[in-house]
Amino acid sequence: MEMRSQAIRGDAPEPEGAPHMTSVEEIVHSFEEADAQPVDLTGYAAEDWFTVGLFWVMTLLVFMQFFTRYVMNDSLAWTEELATYCLIGVVFIGASMCVRKSRHIQVDLIYRYLPHGPARALSTLVDLLRTAFLAYAAYLVWKYIGIVGDEPMTTIDWNKGHVYWITLAGFVLMLGRSIQVTWQNWRNGFSILERPEAFESSDD
């Protein structure tokens, strides 16, 4: 009976070779240790904070759309359009963070079987092609703004060119970050494709 009560309280001795069972006290203590660590914001850049701000503006617009449509039964049509444009900004400005941290979708299987020389050459070619693509995409967006930059929004008397300029800014930021990553990979002698384990702690 005593052994059963000890097992219920979690005080029973663990058999030899059994896996360690984490108690409630240990779990609570682990959260206290995590809270004691200082918050490190050094890994974030200016475009990250702009994206967070734009995301919260979009969240407010979506809430207004939901509240006016389902609670007041009189929806504000302009909230849906502006929320869509905010989402465009979040995607293209936020994508520069993925370029900076090399977090876009990539296939690195072939690099596990290539010697260092061919792997380094192929990785450098990927960096150059990515940079060239982003430069060409930025050029196309700039040309597109020149064609339809004066187009008005549907529900608000605002110029839709603001949205296009934010998209262009996103591609320019991605281009700049791509050049920066290409240069860092060249100086280090490897990229995330060749040595992904070296980049595992970059998000901490």
Protein backbone atom coordinates (compact mmCIF):
# COMPACT_ATOMS: atom_id res chain seq x y z
CA MET A 1 0.00 0.00 0.00
CA GLU A 2 2.86 2.34 0.87
CA MET A 3 4.65 1.57 -2.40
CA ARG A 4 1.43 2.34 -4.28
CA SER A 5 1.03 5.72 -2.56
CA GLN A 6 4.66 6.54 -3.30
CA ALA A 7 4.14 5.71 -6.97
CA ILE A 8 1.10 7.97 -7.10
CA ARG A 9 3.06 10.84 -5.53
CA GLY A 10 6.00 10.21 -7.83
CA ASP A 11 8.31 9.29 -4.91
CA ALA A 12 8.77 5.62 -5.81
CA PRO A 13 12.35 4.69 -6.69
CA GLU A 14 12.93 4.07 -10.36
CA PRO A 15 14.02 0.54 -11.36
CA GLU A 16 17.55 0.17 -12.66
CA GLY A 17 17.77 0.68 -16.40
CA ALA A 18 14.36 2.38 -16.61
CA PRO A 19 14.14 5.72 -18.44
CA HIS A 20 14.08 8.78 -16.21
CA MET A 21 10.54 10.08 -15.65
CA THR A 22 10.38 13.87 -15.45
CA SER A 23 8.46 15.10 -12.42
CA VAL A 24 6.16 18.11 -12.28
CA GLU A 25 8.67 19.98 -10.15
CA GLU A 26 11.43 19.47 -12.74
CA ILE A 27 9.17 20.74 -15.52
CA VAL A 28 8.25 23.86 -13.53
CA HIS A 29 11.91 24.44 -12.66
CA SER A 30 12.89 24.20 -16.36
CA PHE A 31 10.45 27.03 -17.17
CA GLU A 32 11.90 29.14 -14.37
CA GLU A 33 15.40 28.64 -15.78
CA ALA A 34 14.20 29.63 -19.26
CA ASP A 35 12.61 32.82 -17.91
CA ALA A 36 15.82 33.75 -16.13
CA GLN A 37 17.78 33.87 -19.39
CA PRO A 38 18.05 37.33 -20.98
CA VAL A 39 16.20 37.88 -24.24
CA ASP A 40 18.59 38.20 -27.19
CA LEU A 41 17.29 40.41 -30.01
CA THR A 42 20.59 40.81 -31.84
CA GLY A 43 19.62 38.30 -34.53
CA TYR A 44 16.86 40.51 -35.89
CA ALA A 45 17.29 43.18 -38.55
CA ALA A 46 15.28 46.26 -39.51
CA GLU A 47 13.15 44.42 -42.06
CA ASP A 48 12.13 41.90 -39.40
CA TRP A 49 10.68 44.61 -37.16
CA PHE A 50 8.93 46.27 -40.10
CA THR A 51 7.38 42.92 -41.01
CA VAL A 52 6.17 42.38 -37.45
CA GLY A 53 4.57 45.83 -37.42
CA LEU A 54 2.90 45.20 -40.77
CA PHE A 55 1.68 41.84 -39.53
CA TRP A 56 -0.02 43.45 -36.52
CA VAL A 57 -1.66 46.05 -38.77
CA MET A 58 -2.99 43.19 -40.88
CA THR A 59 -4.20 41.41 -37.74
CA LEU A 60 -6.10 44.52 -36.65
CA LEU A 61 -7.69 44.86 -40.09
CA VAL A 62 -8.77 41.21 -40.12
CA PHE A 63 -10.28 41.62 -36.63
CA MET A 64 -12.17 44.72 -37.77
CA GLN A 65 -13.46 42.81 -40.78
CA PHE A 66 -14.61 39.90 -38.60
CA PHE A 67 -16.19 42.16 -35.96
CA THR A 68 -18.07 44.39 -38.38
CA ARG A 69 -19.29 41.47 -40.50
CA TYR A 70 -20.37 38.94 -37.86
CA VAL A 71 -21.10 41.15 -34.85
CA MET A 72 -22.39 44.40 -36.32
CA ASN A 73 -23.71 42.80 -39.54
CA ASP A 74 -22.32 45.76 -41.49
CA SER A 75 -18.85 44.88 -42.80
CA LEU A 76 -16.24 47.42 -43.79
CA ALA A 77 -15.22 46.36 -47.28
CA TRP A 78 -11.97 48.32 -47.26
CA THR A 79 -10.57 46.28 -44.37
CA GLU A 80 -10.41 43.13 -46.52
CA GLU A 81 -8.57 44.88 -49.34
CA LEU A 82 -6.07 46.57 -47.04
CA ALA A 83 -5.48 43.30 -45.16
CA THR A 84 -4.65 41.64 -48.47
CA TYR A 85 -2.15 44.38 -49.30
CA CYS A 86 -0.60 44.05 -45.85
CA LEU A 87 -0.20 40.33 -46.45
CA ILE A 88 1.66 41.11 -49.68
CA GLY A 89 4.04 43.33 -47.72
CA VAL A 90 4.52 40.69 -45.02
CA VAL A 91 5.40 38.09 -47.65
CA PHE A 92 7.88 40.11 -49.70
CA ILE A 93 9.54 42.09 -46.92
CA GLY A 94 9.61 39.04 -44.67
CA ALA A 95 11.21 36.98 -47.43
CA SER A 96 14.39 39.02 -47.03
CA MET A 97 14.76 37.51 -43.55
CA CYS A 98 14.62 34.03 -45.11
CA VAL A 99 17.32 35.03 -47.60
CA ARG A 100 19.48 36.46 -44.82
CA LYS A 101 19.16 33.29 -42.73
CA SER A 102 19.24 30.93 -45.76
CA ARG A 103 15.89 29.47 -44.77
CA HIS A 104 14.19 29.15 -48.13
CA ILE A 105 13.42 25.65 -49.40
CA GLN A 106 16.59 24.01 -50.67
CA VAL A 107 17.81 20.54 -51.63
CA ASP A 108 21.19 19.60 -50.19
CA LEU A 109 21.16 15.82 -50.76
CA ILE A 110 23.59 15.86 -53.69
CA TYR A 111 26.20 17.76 -51.65
CA ARG A 112 26.59 14.79 -49.31
CA TYR A 113 28.07 12.73 -52.14
CA LEU A 114 30.12 15.35 -53.96
CA PRO A 115 33.81 16.05 -53.23
CA HIS A 116 34.65 19.43 -51.76
CA GLY A 117 35.71 21.05 -55.05
CA PRO A 118 32.60 20.30 -57.12
CA ALA A 119 30.35 20.97 -54.12
CA ARG A 120 31.96 24.38 -53.59
CA ALA A 121 31.60 25.25 -57.27
CA LEU A 122 27.96 24.15 -57.41
CA SER A 123 27.13 26.01 -54.20
CA THR A 124 28.74 29.18 -55.53
CA LEU A 125 26.75 28.82 -58.76
CA VAL A 126 23.53 28.55 -56.70
CA ASP A 127 24.44 31.75 -54.84
CA LEU A 128 25.11 33.59 -58.09
CA LEU A 129 21.93 32.34 -59.77
CA ARG A 130 19.84 33.33 -56.75
CA THR A 131 21.32 36.81 -56.77
CA ALA A 132 20.80 37.19 -60.52
CA PHE A 133 17.19 36.02 -60.26
CA LEU A 134 16.39 38.51 -57.48
CA ALA A 135 18.02 41.34 -59.45
CA TYR A 136 15.95 40.47 -62.51
CA ALA A 137 12.76 40.17 -60.42
CA ALA A 138 13.38 43.60 -58.87
CA TYR A 139 13.86 45.02 -62.37
CA LEU A 140 10.58 43.49 -63.54
CA VAL A 141 8.66 44.91 -60.58
CA TRP A 142 10.16 48.33 -61.25
CA LYS A 143 9.05 48.12 -64.89
CA TYR A 144 5.61 46.96 -63.79
CA ILE A 145 5.25 49.98 -61.50
CA GLY A 146 5.96 52.22 -64.48
CA ILE A 147 3.10 50.62 -66.39
CA VAL A 148 0.31 50.34 -63.77
CA GLY A 149 1.67 52.38 -60.89
CA ASP A 150 -1.20 54.89 -61.02
CA GLU A 151 -3.94 52.27 -60.71
CA PRO A 152 -6.40 53.13 -57.88
CA MET A 153 -7.53 50.73 -55.19
CA THR A 154 -10.97 49.17 -55.44
CA THR A 155 -12.62 50.26 -52.19
CA ILE A 156 -10.47 53.23 -51.19
CA ASP A 157 -9.36 56.27 -53.14
CA TRP A 158 -5.69 55.46 -52.67
CA ASN A 159 -2.98 54.71 -55.19
CA LYS A 160 -2.19 51.01 -55.53
CA GLY A 161 1.38 51.99 -56.39
CA HIS A 162 2.17 51.99 -52.65
CA VAL A 163 1.69 48.23 -52.63
CA TYR A 164 3.92 47.81 -55.67
CA TRP A 165 6.65 49.94 -54.10
CA ILE A 166 6.57 47.76 -50.96
CA THR A 167 6.94 44.70 -53.18
CA LEU A 168 9.87 46.33 -54.97
CA ALA A 169 11.44 47.14 -51.61
CA GLY A 170 11.10 43.48 -50.66
CA PHE A 171 12.93 42.33 -53.78
CA VAL A 172 15.64 44.94 -53.32
CA LEU A 173 16.12 43.81 -49.71
CA MET A 174 16.27 40.18 -50.84
CA LEU A 175 18.85 41.15 -53.46
CA GLY A 176 20.98 42.96 -50.92
CA ARG A 177 20.78 40.06 -48.46
CA SER A 178 21.58 37.59 -51.23
CA ILE A 179 24.75 39.52 -52.11
CA GLN A 180 25.65 39.58 -48.43
CA VAL A 181 25.09 35.82 -48.03
CA THR A 182 27.04 35.08 -51.22
CA TRP A 183 29.99 37.08 -49.95
CA GLN A 184 29.88 35.42 -46.51
CA ASN A 185 29.74 31.96 -48.08
CA TRP A 186 32.72 32.83 -50.26
CA ARG A 187 34.72 34.05 -47.26
CA ASN A 188 33.77 31.03 -45.11
CA GLY A 189 34.51 28.54 -47.89
CA PHE A 190 31.16 26.77 -47.51
CA SER A 191 27.43 27.45 -47.54
CA ILE A 192 24.41 25.94 -45.80
CA LEU A 193 24.07 23.50 -48.71
CA GLU A 194 27.51 22.02 -48.01
CA ARG A 195 27.50 22.16 -44.21
CA PRO A 196 23.94 22.58 -42.87
CA GLU A 197 25.06 21.64 -39.35
CA ALA A 198 27.11 24.85 -39.17
CA PHE A 199 23.91 26.91 -39.51
CA GLU A 200 21.72 25.03 -37.04
CA SER A 201 22.34 27.50 -34.19
CA SER A 202 21.82 30.63 -36.32
CA ASP A 203 18.13 30.85 -35.30
CA ASP A 204 18.78 30.63 -31.55
